[in-house]
Amino acid sequence: MGKQRIKPNYRRQVLRLPDLDHCKLAVLNSLGSPASRRVYEYAIDQFIAWYCSEPRLAFNRIVVVRYRMHLESRGLAANTINQQLAAVRRLAHEAADSGLLSPELAAGISRVKGVKQLGFRAGSWLSAEESSEVLKHAWGASLRAKRDYAMLAMLLGCGFRRSELVGLELDEVQMRQGHWAVVDLIGKGGHIRTAPIPGWVKVALDQWTVAAGVTEGRIFRAVARTGTVWGKGISQNVVWYVVRSCCQKTGLEHIAPHDLRRTCAKLATAAVANLSRFSSCWDMPPSRRRNAISAANRISAIRSTIFLTSEQTSGRRARVLNLLR
């Protein structure tokens, strides 16, 4: 009796929807950051919808190149296209590790080049006057208005991300060396930093916590239509909606929460640039030194009233005008 011939186990080249779903779950389980899981899940869902829209010959390098051309035809940014291609490469590697795809095909997919990125987009941010107008339109006596005002104040004054603002708890706001700050804030990628809280932001935060009766847990809660607080927190979509609606009231379109974070950095840079002109005033003669200190005090007083509403600036505006005289 002759030796029995063993049929070679060829791996599949065409992946069906159940196979793609299995590889998608494997990719998402291998990621530790919730933000990365959200981005990769969206990118993989977009690829699966395109891949299953018409019959494909195989999941190989040529198909991924055609998908890159499809993304380019949509007018997406180079960074967005490269991010989506990275998710597709990760999907191919998980399929090869699971035995659903040939290692040669996975290696060919990994060799698909991304789009060349020429420079970086500057993005958009608000000026000091536009930021003041946004806060004025968010100010109100209702419970939801106080919450929205406090959320915008934290975004503009502290430069928080949406995930950081949503997960902020009351015990994380502490007094350190005479200043309020959020100590040991775990941000994107597990980075730890300390975020200082300006005085006007702390006032807005106290107005919301006292009105809502928040004594522990997460600071920002959902507000029902009846004006009552319910739940133990809010989602990131609530922050997005609050920023978009308040900016649209002032005539600002296409403003996102990360634009307010960029605004905080720009205003802080401008403040340092304005005050750096008076850093060497102690080397001046006494008469010029008094003028320089007086000008610095005027700038500080004006900057402190930028984000105050019309109801809060009745007495402060009078003092600022006296300084400008």
C-alpha atoms as a PDB file:
ATOM      1  CA  MET A   1       0.000   0.000   0.000  1.00  0.00           C
ATOM      2  CA  GLY A   2       1.462   3.325  -1.082  1.00  0.00           C
ATOM      3  CA  LYS A   3       2.096   6.242   1.185  1.00  0.00           C
ATOM      4  CA  GLN A   4      -0.977   8.419   1.701  1.00  0.00           C
ATOM      5  CA  ARG A   5      -0.581  11.824   0.148  1.00  0.00           C
ATOM      6  CA  ILE A   6      -1.434  14.744   2.436  1.00  0.00           C
ATOM      7  CA  LYS A   7      -3.278  17.558   0.759  1.00  0.00           C
ATOM      8  CA  PRO A   8      -1.598  20.923   1.523  1.00  0.00           C
ATOM      9  CA  ASN A   9      -3.596  23.358   3.645  1.00  0.00           C
ATOM     10  CA  TYR A  10      -3.906  26.448   1.493  1.00  0.00           C
ATOM     11  CA  ARG A  11      -5.128  29.518   3.293  1.00  0.00           C
ATOM     12  CA  ARG A  12      -8.045  31.481   1.947  1.00  0.00           C
ATOM     13  CA  GLN A  13      -7.509  34.583  -0.127  1.00  0.00           C
ATOM     14  CA  VAL A  14     -11.081  35.862  -0.114  1.00  0.00           C
ATOM     15  CA  LEU A  15     -12.327  36.940   3.321  1.00  0.00           C
ATOM     16  CA  ARG A  16     -16.043  36.952   3.992  1.00  0.00           C
ATOM     17  CA  LEU A  17     -17.919  39.151   6.425  1.00  0.00           C
ATOM     18  CA  PRO A  18     -17.654  36.745   9.422  1.00  0.00           C
ATOM     19  CA  ASP A  19     -13.888  36.475   8.877  1.00  0.00           C
ATOM     20  CA  LEU A  20     -13.534  40.266   8.727  1.00  0.00           C
ATOM     21  CA  ASP A  21     -15.600  40.687  11.899  1.00  0.00           C
ATOM     22  CA  HIS A  22     -13.408  38.146  13.698  1.00  0.00           C
ATOM     23  CA  CYS A  23     -10.234  39.971  12.627  1.00  0.00           C
ATOM     24  CA  LYS A  24     -11.772  43.315  13.578  1.00  0.00           C
ATOM     25  CA  LEU A  25     -12.439  42.127  17.141  1.00  0.00           C
ATOM     26  CA  ALA A  26      -8.879  40.807  17.351  1.00  0.00           C
ATOM     27  CA  VAL A  27      -7.505  44.205  16.311  1.00  0.00           C
ATOM     28  CA  LEU A  28      -9.670  46.114  18.789  1.00  0.00           C
ATOM     29  CA  ASN A  29      -8.782  43.776  21.657  1.00  0.00           C
ATOM     30  CA  SER A  30      -5.076  44.345  21.017  1.00  0.00           C
ATOM     31  CA  LEU A  31      -5.410  48.120  21.537  1.00  0.00           C
ATOM     32  CA  GLY A  32      -5.194  49.595  25.005  1.00  0.00           C
ATOM     33  CA  SER A  33      -6.349  53.172  24.461  1.00  0.00           C
ATOM     34  CA  PRO A  34     -10.113  53.823  24.130  1.00  0.00           C
ATOM     35  CA  ALA A  35      -9.402  56.627  21.654  1.00  0.00           C
ATOM     36  CA  SER A  36      -7.333  54.280  19.470  1.00  0.00           C
ATOM     37  CA  ARG A  37     -10.071  51.651  19.583  1.00  0.00           C
ATOM     38  CA  ARG A  38     -12.646  54.216  18.476  1.00  0.00           C
ATOM     39  CA  VAL A  39     -10.514  55.434  15.563  1.00  0.00           C
ATOM     40  CA  TYR A  40      -9.537  51.934  14.405  1.00  0.00           C
ATOM     41  CA  GLU A  41     -13.109  50.668  14.658  1.00  0.00           C
ATOM     42  CA  TYR A  42     -14.352  53.495  12.444  1.00  0.00           C
ATOM     43  CA  ALA A  43     -11.560  52.945   9.898  1.00  0.00           C
ATOM     44  CA  ILE A  44     -12.124  49.174   9.738  1.00  0.00           C
ATOM     45  CA  ASP A  45     -15.899  49.624   9.377  1.00  0.00           C
ATOM     46  CA  GLN A  46     -15.314  51.997   6.469  1.00  0.00           C
ATOM     47  CA  PHE A  47     -13.022  49.480   4.768  1.00  0.00           C
ATOM     48  CA  ILE A  48     -15.397  46.545   5.317  1.00  0.00           C
ATOM     49  CA  ALA A  49     -18.302  48.536   3.863  1.00  0.00           C
ATOM     50  CA  TRP A  50     -16.222  49.347   0.778  1.00  0.00           C
ATOM     51  CA  TYR A  51     -14.810  45.809   0.495  1.00  0.00           C
ATOM     52  CA  CYS A  52     -18.226  44.142   0.680  1.00  0.00           C
ATOM     53  CA  SER A  53     -19.970  46.630  -1.620  1.00  0.00           C
ATOM     54  CA  GLU A  54     -19.011  44.530  -4.654  1.00  0.00           C
ATOM     55  CA  PRO A  55     -17.409  41.090  -5.124  1.00  0.00           C
ATOM     56  CA  ARG A  56     -13.632  41.148  -4.746  1.00  0.00           C
ATOM     57  CA  LEU A  57     -11.169  38.628  -6.086  1.00  0.00           C
ATOM     58  CA  ALA A  58      -9.023  38.535  -2.994  1.00  0.00           C
ATOM     59  CA  PHE A  59      -7.849  40.540  -0.012  1.00  0.00           C
ATOM     60  CA  ASN A  60      -4.432  41.442  -1.360  1.00  0.00           C
ATOM     61  CA  ARG A  61      -2.143  44.354  -2.116  1.00  0.00           C
ATOM     62  CA  ILE A  62      -3.983  45.420  -5.293  1.00  0.00           C
ATOM     63  CA  VAL A  63      -7.298  45.717  -3.451  1.00  0.00           C
ATOM     64  CA  VAL A  64      -5.725  47.855  -0.721  1.00  0.00           C
ATOM     65  CA  VAL A  65      -4.135  50.102  -3.360  1.00  0.00           C
ATOM     66  CA  ARG A  66      -7.553  50.546  -4.951  1.00  0.00           C
ATOM     67  CA  TYR A  67      -8.946  51.441  -1.530  1.00  0.00           C
ATOM     68  CA  ARG A  68      -6.237  54.071  -1.116  1.00  0.00           C
ATOM     69  CA  MET A  69      -7.241  55.550  -4.484  1.00  0.00           C
ATOM     70  CA  HIS A  70     -10.852  55.557  -3.285  1.00  0.00           C
ATOM     71  CA  LEU A  71      -9.872  57.516  -0.173  1.00  0.00           C
ATOM     72  CA  GLU A  72      -7.905  60.001  -2.265  1.00  0.00           C
ATOM     73  CA  SER A  73     -10.910  60.546  -4.540  1.00  0.00           C
ATOM     74  CA  ARG A  74     -12.969  61.576  -1.494  1.00  0.00           C
ATOM     75  CA  GLY A  75     -10.615  64.492  -0.877  1.00  0.00           C
ATOM     76  CA  LEU A  76      -9.483  63.352   2.562  1.00  0.00           C
ATOM     77  CA  ALA A  77      -6.360  64.710   4.206  1.00  0.00           C
ATOM     78  CA  ALA A  78      -3.111  62.772   3.936  1.00  0.00           C
ATOM     79  CA  ASN A  79      -3.037  62.131   7.673  1.00  0.00           C
ATOM     80  CA  THR A  80      -6.561  60.676   7.581  1.00  0.00           C
ATOM     81  CA  ILE A  81      -5.750  58.384   4.646  1.00  0.00           C
ATOM     82  CA  ASN A  82      -2.574  57.098   6.296  1.00  0.00           C
ATOM     83  CA  GLN A  83      -4.479  56.460   9.513  1.00  0.00           C
ATOM     84  CA  GLN A  84      -7.099  54.392   7.710  1.00  0.00           C
ATOM     85  CA  LEU A  85      -4.434  52.445   5.821  1.00  0.00           C
ATOM     86  CA  ALA A  86      -2.715  51.654   9.117  1.00  0.00           C
ATOM     87  CA  ALA A  87      -5.947  50.087  10.365  1.00  0.00           C
ATOM     88  CA  VAL A  88      -6.213  47.980   7.181  1.00  0.00           C
ATOM     89  CA  ARG A  89      -2.616  46.765   7.595  1.00  0.00           C
ATOM     90  CA  ARG A  90      -3.372  45.818  11.195  1.00  0.00           C
ATOM     91  CA  LEU A  91      -6.445  43.929   9.985  1.00  0.00           C
ATOM     92  CA  ALA A  92      -4.340  41.967   7.479  1.00  0.00           C
ATOM     93  CA  HIS A  93      -1.757  41.015  10.127  1.00  0.00           C
ATOM     94  CA  GLU A  94      -4.458  39.764  12.503  1.00  0.00           C
ATOM     95  CA  ALA A  95      -6.004  37.746   9.652  1.00  0.00           C
ATOM     96  CA  ALA A  96      -2.612  36.153   8.926  1.00  0.00           C
ATOM     97  CA  ASP A  97      -2.018  35.366  12.612  1.00  0.00           C
ATOM     98  CA  SER A  98      -5.469  33.743  12.818  1.00  0.00           C
ATOM     99  CA  GLY A  99      -4.771  31.530   9.817  1.00  0.00           C
ATOM    100  CA  LEU A 100      -7.364  33.230   7.623  1.00  0.00           C
ATOM    101  CA  LEU A 101      -4.920  34.867   5.226  1.00  0.00           C
ATOM    102  CA  SER A 102      -1.658  33.864   3.637  1.00  0.00           C
ATOM    103  CA  PRO A 103       1.440  35.467   5.213  1.00  0.00           C
ATOM    104  CA  GLU A 104       2.621  36.432   1.740  1.00  0.00           C
ATOM    105  CA  LEU A 105      -0.565  38.402   1.102  1.00  0.00           C
ATOM    106  CA  ALA A 106      -0.307  40.088   4.498  1.00  0.00           C
ATOM    107  CA  ALA A 107       3.298  41.056   3.750  1.00  0.00           C
ATOM    108  CA  GLY A 108       2.212  42.510   0.415  1.00  0.00           C
ATOM    109  CA  ILE A 109      -0.516  44.570   2.097  1.00  0.00           C
ATOM    110  CA  SER A 110       1.980  45.907   4.624  1.00  0.00           C
ATOM    111  CA  ARG A 111       4.101  47.216   1.727  1.00  0.00           C
ATOM    112  CA  VAL A 112       1.322  49.511   0.495  1.00  0.00           C
ATOM    113  CA  LYS A 113       2.680  53.030   0.855  1.00  0.00           C
ATOM    114  CA  GLY A 114       0.675  55.845   2.347  1.00  0.00           C
ATOM    115  CA  VAL A 115       0.070  59.285   0.940  1.00  0.00           C
ATOM    116  CA  LYS A 116       2.962  61.724   1.145  1.00  0.00           C
ATOM    117  CA  GLN A 117       2.193  64.483   3.596  1.00  0.00           C
ATOM    118  CA  LEU A 118       3.462  67.915   2.564  1.00  0.00           C
ATOM    119  CA  GLY A 119       3.378  70.117   5.640  1.00  0.00           C
ATOM    120  CA  PHE A 120       0.825  70.232   8.422  1.00  0.00           C
ATOM    121  CA  ARG A 121      -2.524  71.946   8.657  1.00  0.00           C
ATOM    122  CA  ALA A 122      -2.545  74.880  11.049  1.00  0.00           C
ATOM    123  CA  GLY A 123      -6.141  74.253  12.113  1.00  0.00           C
ATOM    124  CA  SER A 124      -8.480  76.894  13.469  1.00  0.00           C
ATOM    125  CA  TRP A 125      -8.705  78.731  16.775  1.00  0.00           C
ATOM    126  CA  LEU A 126     -10.644  81.614  18.279  1.00  0.00           C
ATOM    127  CA  SER A 127      -9.438  85.068  19.156  1.00  0.00           C
ATOM    128  CA  ALA A 128      -9.935  86.579  22.612  1.00  0.00           C
ATOM    129  CA  GLU A 129     -12.969  88.556  21.432  1.00  0.00           C
ATOM    130  CA  GLU A 130     -14.555  85.505  19.786  1.00  0.00           C
ATOM    131  CA  SER A 131     -13.960  83.420  22.915  1.00  0.00           C
ATOM    132  CA  SER A 132     -15.638  86.098  25.025  1.00  0.00           C
ATOM    133  CA  GLU A 133     -18.647  86.145  22.698  1.00  0.00           C
ATOM    134  CA  VAL A 134     -19.005  82.358  22.879  1.00  0.00           C
ATOM    135  CA  LEU A 135     -19.008  82.462  26.673  1.00  0.00           C
ATOM    136  CA  LYS A 136     -21.512  85.308  26.739  1.00  0.00           C
ATOM    137  CA  HIS A 137     -23.963  83.319  24.609  1.00  0.00           C
ATOM    138  CA  ALA A 138     -23.508  80.290  26.876  1.00  0.00           C
ATOM    139  CA  TRP A 139     -24.213  82.262  30.064  1.00  0.00           C
ATOM    140  CA  GLY A 140     -27.652  81.863  31.622  1.00  0.00           C
ATOM    141  CA  ALA A 141     -29.594  81.296  34.816  1.00  0.00           C
ATOM    142  CA  SER A 142     -30.820  77.791  34.009  1.00  0.00           C
ATOM    143  CA  LEU A 143     -29.045  74.681  35.239  1.00  0.00           C
ATOM    144  CA  ARG A 144     -28.098  73.554  31.738  1.00  0.00           C
ATOM    145  CA  ALA A 145     -26.687  77.003  30.913  1.00  0.00           C
ATOM    146  CA  LYS A 146     -24.490  76.905  34.012  1.00  0.00           C
ATOM    147  CA  ARG A 147     -23.216  73.478  33.026  1.00  0.00           C
ATOM    148  CA  ASP A 148     -22.487  74.560  29.436  1.00  0.00           C
ATOM    149  CA  TYR A 149     -20.735  77.724  30.648  1.00  0.00           C
ATOM    150  CA  ALA A 150     -18.552  75.713  33.045  1.00  0.00           C
ATOM    151  CA  MET A 151     -17.690  73.201  30.309  1.00  0.00           C
ATOM    152  CA  LEU A 152     -16.665  75.930  27.864  1.00  0.00           C
ATOM    153  CA  ALA A 153     -14.684  77.665  30.601  1.00  0.00           C
ATOM    154  CA  MET A 154     -12.735  74.467  31.291  1.00  0.00           C
ATOM    155  CA  LEU A 155     -12.039  73.955  27.587  1.00  0.00           C
ATOM    156  CA  LEU A 156     -10.911  77.544  26.986  1.00  0.00           C
ATOM    157  CA  GLY A 157      -9.145  78.184  30.275  1.00  0.00           C
ATOM    158  CA  CYS A 158      -7.525  74.799  30.941  1.00  0.00           C
ATOM    159  CA  GLY A 159      -7.154  73.304  27.461  1.00  0.00           C
ATOM    160  CA  PHE A 160      -8.851  69.993  28.286  1.00  0.00           C
ATOM    161  CA  ARG A 161      -9.712  67.329  25.754  1.00  0.00           C
ATOM    162  CA  ARG A 162     -13.232  65.936  25.515  1.00  0.00           C
ATOM    163  CA  SER A 163     -12.284  62.654  27.189  1.00  0.00           C
ATOM    164  CA  GLU A 164     -10.471  64.499  29.994  1.00  0.00           C
ATOM    165  CA  LEU A 165     -13.414  66.821  30.589  1.00  0.00           C
ATOM    166  CA  VAL A 166     -15.955  63.997  30.652  1.00  0.00           C
ATOM    167  CA  GLY A 167     -13.907  61.874  33.064  1.00  0.00           C
ATOM    168  CA  LEU A 168     -13.002  64.740  35.428  1.00  0.00           C
ATOM    169  CA  GLU A 169     -13.988  64.009  39.029  1.00  0.00           C
ATOM    170  CA  LEU A 170     -14.515  66.434  41.882  1.00  0.00           C
ATOM    171  CA  ASP A 171     -11.712  65.134  44.091  1.00  0.00           C
ATOM    172  CA  GLU A 172      -9.166  65.708  41.301  1.00  0.00           C
ATOM    173  CA  VAL A 173      -9.573  69.502  41.648  1.00  0.00           C
ATOM    174  CA  GLN A 174      -7.126  70.396  44.440  1.00  0.00           C
ATOM    175  CA  MET A 175      -5.459  73.448  45.944  1.00  0.00           C
ATOM    176  CA  ARG A 176      -1.695  73.423  45.441  1.00  0.00           C
ATOM    177  CA  GLN A 177       0.553  76.304  46.552  1.00  0.00           C
ATOM    178  CA  GLY A 178      -2.322  78.750  46.677  1.00  0.00           C
ATOM    179  CA  HIS A 179      -3.664  77.865  43.212  1.00  0.00           C
ATOM    180  CA  TRP A 180      -6.393  75.538  42.016  1.00  0.00           C
ATOM    181  CA  ALA A 181      -5.290  72.773  39.658  1.00  0.00           C
ATOM    182  CA  VAL A 182      -6.150  69.311  38.387  1.00  0.00           C
ATOM    183  CA  VAL A 183      -3.287  67.211  39.730  1.00  0.00           C
ATOM    184  CA  ASP A 184      -2.001  64.045  38.048  1.00  0.00           C
ATOM    185  CA  LEU A 185      -4.366  64.257  35.102  1.00  0.00           C
ATOM    186  CA  ILE A 186      -4.035  61.147  32.919  1.00  0.00           C
ATOM    187  CA  GLY A 187      -4.402  62.342  29.339  1.00  0.00           C
ATOM    188  CA  LYS A 188      -3.986  60.910  25.872  1.00  0.00           C
ATOM    189  CA  GLY A 189      -1.567  58.006  25.601  1.00  0.00           C
ATOM    190  CA  GLY A 190      -1.322  57.691  29.376  1.00  0.00           C
ATOM    191  CA  HIS A 191       0.635  60.932  29.750  1.00  0.00           C
ATOM    192  CA  ILE A 192       0.327  62.516  33.215  1.00  0.00           C
ATOM    193  CA  ARG A 193       0.294  66.285  33.682  1.00  0.00           C
ATOM    194  CA  THR A 194      -1.002  68.951  36.061  1.00  0.00           C
ATOM    195  CA  ALA A 195      -3.474  71.453  34.573  1.00  0.00           C
ATOM    196  CA  PRO A 196      -3.802  74.812  36.392  1.00  0.00           C
ATOM    197  CA  ILE A 197      -7.307  76.266  36.779  1.00  0.00           C
ATOM    198  CA  PRO A 198      -7.666  80.069  36.451  1.00  0.00           C
ATOM    199  CA  GLY A 199      -9.778  81.923  38.985  1.00  0.00           C
ATOM    200  CA  TRP A 200     -12.651  82.735  36.640  1.00  0.00           C
ATOM    201  CA  VAL A 201     -12.842  79.065  35.592  1.00  0.00           C
ATOM    202  CA  LYS A 202     -13.036  77.962  39.236  1.00  0.00           C
ATOM    203  CA  VAL A 203     -15.880  80.447  39.827  1.00  0.00           C
ATOM    204  CA  ALA A 204     -17.841  79.007  36.890  1.00  0.00           C
ATOM    205  CA  LEU A 205     -17.123  75.475  38.122  1.00  0.00           C
ATOM    206  CA  ASP A 206     -18.358  76.282  41.637  1.00  0.00           C
ATOM    207  CA  GLN A 207     -21.554  77.830  40.280  1.00  0.00           C
ATOM    208  CA  TRP A 208     -22.364  74.599  38.441  1.00  0.00           C
ATOM    209  CA  THR A 209     -21.461  72.203  41.273  1.00  0.00           C
ATOM    210  CA  VAL A 210     -23.437  74.167  43.868  1.00  0.00           C
ATOM    211  CA  ALA A 211     -26.515  74.489  41.632  1.00  0.00           C
ATOM    212  CA  ALA A 212     -26.398  70.822  40.603  1.00  0.00           C
ATOM    213  CA  GLY A 213     -25.570  69.512  44.078  1.00  0.00           C
ATOM    214  CA  VAL A 214     -22.482  67.608  42.911  1.00  0.00           C
ATOM    215  CA  THR A 215     -20.495  66.501  45.967  1.00  0.00           C
ATOM    216  CA  GLU A 216     -18.578  63.503  44.621  1.00  0.00           C
ATOM    217  CA  GLY A 217     -17.902  61.571  41.450  1.00  0.00           C
ATOM    218  CA  ARG A 218     -17.795  63.108  38.024  1.00  0.00           C
ATOM    219  CA  ILE A 219     -18.330  66.847  37.860  1.00  0.00           C
ATOM    220  CA  PHE A 220     -20.428  67.163  34.720  1.00  0.00           C
ATOM    221  CA  ARG A 221     -23.768  65.347  34.615  1.00  0.00           C
ATOM    222  CA  ALA A 222     -26.683  65.128  32.229  1.00  0.00           C
ATOM    223  CA  VAL A 223     -29.490  67.674  32.600  1.00  0.00           C
ATOM    224  CA  ALA A 224     -33.037  66.692  31.659  1.00  0.00           C
ATOM    225  CA  ARG A 225     -35.522  68.944  29.893  1.00  0.00           C
ATOM    226  CA  THR A 226     -37.267  69.509  33.202  1.00  0.00           C
ATOM    227  CA  GLY A 227     -34.075  71.071  34.586  1.00  0.00           C
ATOM    228  CA  THR A 228     -33.069  68.210  36.874  1.00  0.00           C
ATOM    229  CA  VAL A 229     -29.710  66.460  37.077  1.00  0.00           C
ATOM    230  CA  TRP A 230     -29.643  62.741  36.424  1.00  0.00           C
ATOM    231  CA  GLY A 231     -27.058  60.046  35.761  1.00  0.00           C
ATOM    232  CA  LYS A 232     -23.437  59.800  36.815  1.00  0.00           C
ATOM    233  CA  GLY A 233     -21.805  61.539  33.861  1.00  0.00           C
ATOM    234  CA  ILE A 234     -22.068  62.565  30.206  1.00  0.00           C
ATOM    235  CA  SER A 235     -20.671  61.301  26.933  1.00  0.00           C
ATOM    236  CA  GLN A 236     -18.179  63.027  24.682  1.00  0.00           C
ATOM    237  CA  ASN A 237     -20.941  63.749  22.173  1.00  0.00           C
ATOM    238  CA  VAL A 238     -22.536  66.129  24.687  1.00  0.00           C
ATOM    239  CA  VAL A 239     -19.346  68.210  24.765  1.00  0.00           C
ATOM    240  CA  TRP A 240     -19.277  68.280  20.977  1.00  0.00           C
ATOM    241  CA  TYR A 241     -22.907  69.426  20.800  1.00  0.00           C
ATOM    242  CA  VAL A 242     -22.415  72.167  23.419  1.00  0.00           C
ATOM    243  CA  VAL A 243     -19.376  73.601  21.625  1.00  0.00           C
ATOM    244  CA  ARG A 244     -21.051  73.493  18.223  1.00  0.00           C
ATOM    245  CA  SER A 245     -24.337  75.057  19.364  1.00  0.00           C
ATOM    246  CA  CYS A 246     -22.694  77.883  21.360  1.00  0.00           C
ATOM    247  CA  CYS A 247     -20.300  78.709  18.519  1.00  0.00           C
ATOM    248  CA  GLN A 248     -23.110  78.733  15.971  1.00  0.00           C
ATOM    249  CA  LYS A 249     -24.975  81.308  18.054  1.00  0.00           C
ATOM    250  CA  THR A 250     -22.023  83.676  17.596  1.00  0.00           C
ATOM    251  CA  GLY A 251     -21.782  82.998  13.854  1.00  0.00           C
ATOM    252  CA  LEU A 252     -18.783  80.633  14.059  1.00  0.00           C
ATOM    253  CA  GLU A 253     -19.023  77.496  11.930  1.00  0.00           C
ATOM    254  CA  HIS A 254     -16.980  74.291  11.943  1.00  0.00           C
ATOM    255  CA  ILE A 255     -15.603  74.802  15.469  1.00  0.00           C
ATOM    256  CA  ALA A 256     -14.774  71.628  17.406  1.00  0.00           C
ATOM    257  CA  PRO A 257     -13.664  71.046  21.028  1.00  0.00           C
ATOM    258  CA  HIS A 258     -10.027  70.570  19.967  1.00  0.00           C
ATOM    259  CA  ASP A 259     -10.180  74.073  18.430  1.00  0.00           C
ATOM    260  CA  LEU A 260     -10.902  75.440  21.905  1.00  0.00           C
ATOM    261  CA  ARG A 261      -7.881  73.541  23.218  1.00  0.00           C
ATOM    262  CA  ARG A 262      -5.810  75.183  20.482  1.00  0.00           C
ATOM    263  CA  THR A 263      -7.338  78.546  21.452  1.00  0.00           C
ATOM    264  CA  CYS A 264      -6.155  78.082  25.046  1.00  0.00           C
ATOM    265  CA  ALA A 265      -2.592  77.481  23.842  1.00  0.00           C
ATOM    266  CA  LYS A 266      -2.671  80.498  21.504  1.00  0.00           C
ATOM    267  CA  LEU A 267      -4.004  82.868  24.181  1.00  0.00           C
ATOM    268  CA  ALA A 268      -1.412  81.652  26.669  1.00  0.00           C
ATOM    269  CA  THR A 269       1.372  82.236  24.124  1.00  0.00           C
ATOM    270  CA  ALA A 270       0.089  85.727  23.403  1.00  0.00           C
ATOM    271  CA  ALA A 271      -0.066  86.535  27.113  1.00  0.00           C
ATOM    272  CA  VAL A 272       3.541  85.458  27.625  1.00  0.00           C
ATOM    273  CA  ALA A 273       4.637  87.489  24.590  1.00  0.00           C
ATOM    274  CA  ASN A 274       2.904  90.614  25.885  1.00  0.00           C
ATOM    275  CA  LEU A 275       4.320  90.353  29.398  1.00  0.00           C
ATOM    276  CA  SER A 276       7.840  89.455  28.235  1.00  0.00           C
ATOM    277  CA  ARG A 277       8.335  93.048  27.126  1.00  0.00           C
ATOM    278  CA  PHE A 278       8.245  94.098  30.781  1.00  0.00           C
ATOM    279  CA  SER A 279      10.462  91.307  32.142  1.00  0.00           C
ATOM    280  CA  SER A 280      13.560  93.539  32.174  1.00  0.00           C
ATOM    281  CA  CYS A 281      11.834  96.620  33.591  1.00  0.00           C
ATOM    282  CA  TRP A 282      13.943  96.482  36.777  1.00  0.00           C
ATOM    283  CA  ASP A 283      16.985  97.542  34.741  1.00  0.00           C
ATOM    284  CA  MET A 284      15.216 100.746  33.686  1.00  0.00           C
ATOM    285  CA  PRO A 285      15.340 104.134  35.355  1.00  0.00           C
ATOM    286  CA  PRO A 286      12.673 104.670  38.066  1.00  0.00           C
ATOM    287  CA  SER A 287      10.450 106.816  35.873  1.00  0.00           C
ATOM    288  CA  ARG A 288      10.398 104.345  32.963  1.00  0.00           C
ATOM    289  CA  ARG A 289      10.024 101.455  35.398  1.00  0.00           C
ATOM    290  CA  ARG A 290       6.804 102.940  36.817  1.00  0.00           C
ATOM    291  CA  ASN A 291       5.393 103.375  33.320  1.00  0.00           C
ATOM    292  CA  ALA A 292       6.279  99.788  32.353  1.00  0.00           C
ATOM    293  CA  ILE A 293       4.700  98.325  35.498  1.00  0.00           C
ATOM    294  CA  SER A 294       1.595 100.459  34.971  1.00  0.00           C
ATOM    295  CA  ALA A 295       1.274  99.167  31.393  1.00  0.00           C
ATOM    296  CA  ALA A 296       1.714  95.559  32.554  1.00  0.00           C
ATOM    297  CA  ASN A 297      -1.032  96.041  35.139  1.00  0.00           C
ATOM    298  CA  ARG A 298      -3.327  97.381  32.444  1.00  0.00           C
ATOM    299  CA  ILE A 299      -2.711  94.364  30.232  1.00  0.00           C
ATOM    300  CA  SER A 300      -3.321  91.987  33.134  1.00  0.00           C
ATOM    301  CA  ALA A 301      -6.566  93.746  34.059  1.00  0.00           C
ATOM    302  CA  ILE A 302      -7.840  93.670  30.488  1.00  0.00           C
ATOM    303  CA  ARG A 303      -6.929  89.984  30.106  1.00  0.00           C
ATOM    304  CA  SER A 304      -8.741  89.076  33.315  1.00  0.00           C
ATOM    305  CA  THR A 305     -11.990  90.583  31.986  1.00  0.00           C
ATOM    306  CA  ILE A 306     -11.882  88.956  28.555  1.00  0.00           C
ATOM    307  CA  PHE A 307     -13.910  85.899  29.558  1.00  0.00           C
ATOM    308  CA  LEU A 308     -16.355  87.571  31.958  1.00  0.00           C
ATOM    309  CA  THR A 309     -19.987  87.983  31.012  1.00  0.00           C
ATOM    310  CA  SER A 310     -21.860  91.258  30.964  1.00  0.00           C
ATOM    311  CA  GLU A 311     -23.505  90.500  34.321  1.00  0.00           C
ATOM    312  CA  GLN A 312     -20.145  89.908  35.980  1.00  0.00           C
ATOM    313  CA  THR A 313     -18.267  92.909  34.584  1.00  0.00           C
ATOM    314  CA  SER A 314     -20.379  95.742  35.981  1.00  0.00           C
ATOM    315  CA  GLY A 315     -17.827  96.682  38.631  1.00  0.00           C
ATOM    316  CA  ARG A 316     -14.740  95.241  36.953  1.00  0.00           C
ATOM    317  CA  ARG A 317     -15.196  97.258  33.748  1.00  0.00           C
ATOM    318  CA  ALA A 318     -15.236 100.480  35.725  1.00  0.00           C
ATOM    319  CA  ARG A 319     -11.879  99.648  37.301  1.00  0.00           C
ATOM    320  CA  VAL A 320     -10.397  98.709  33.930  1.00  0.00           C
ATOM    321  CA  LEU A 321     -11.537 101.982  32.419  1.00  0.00           C
ATOM    322  CA  ASN A 322      -9.912 103.868  35.288  1.00  0.00           C
ATOM    323  CA  LEU A 323      -6.652 102.078  34.538  1.00  0.00           C
ATOM    324  CA  LEU A 324      -6.841 103.018  30.878  1.00  0.00           C
ATOM    325  CA  ARG A 325      -7.323 106.705  31.580  1.00  0.00           C
END
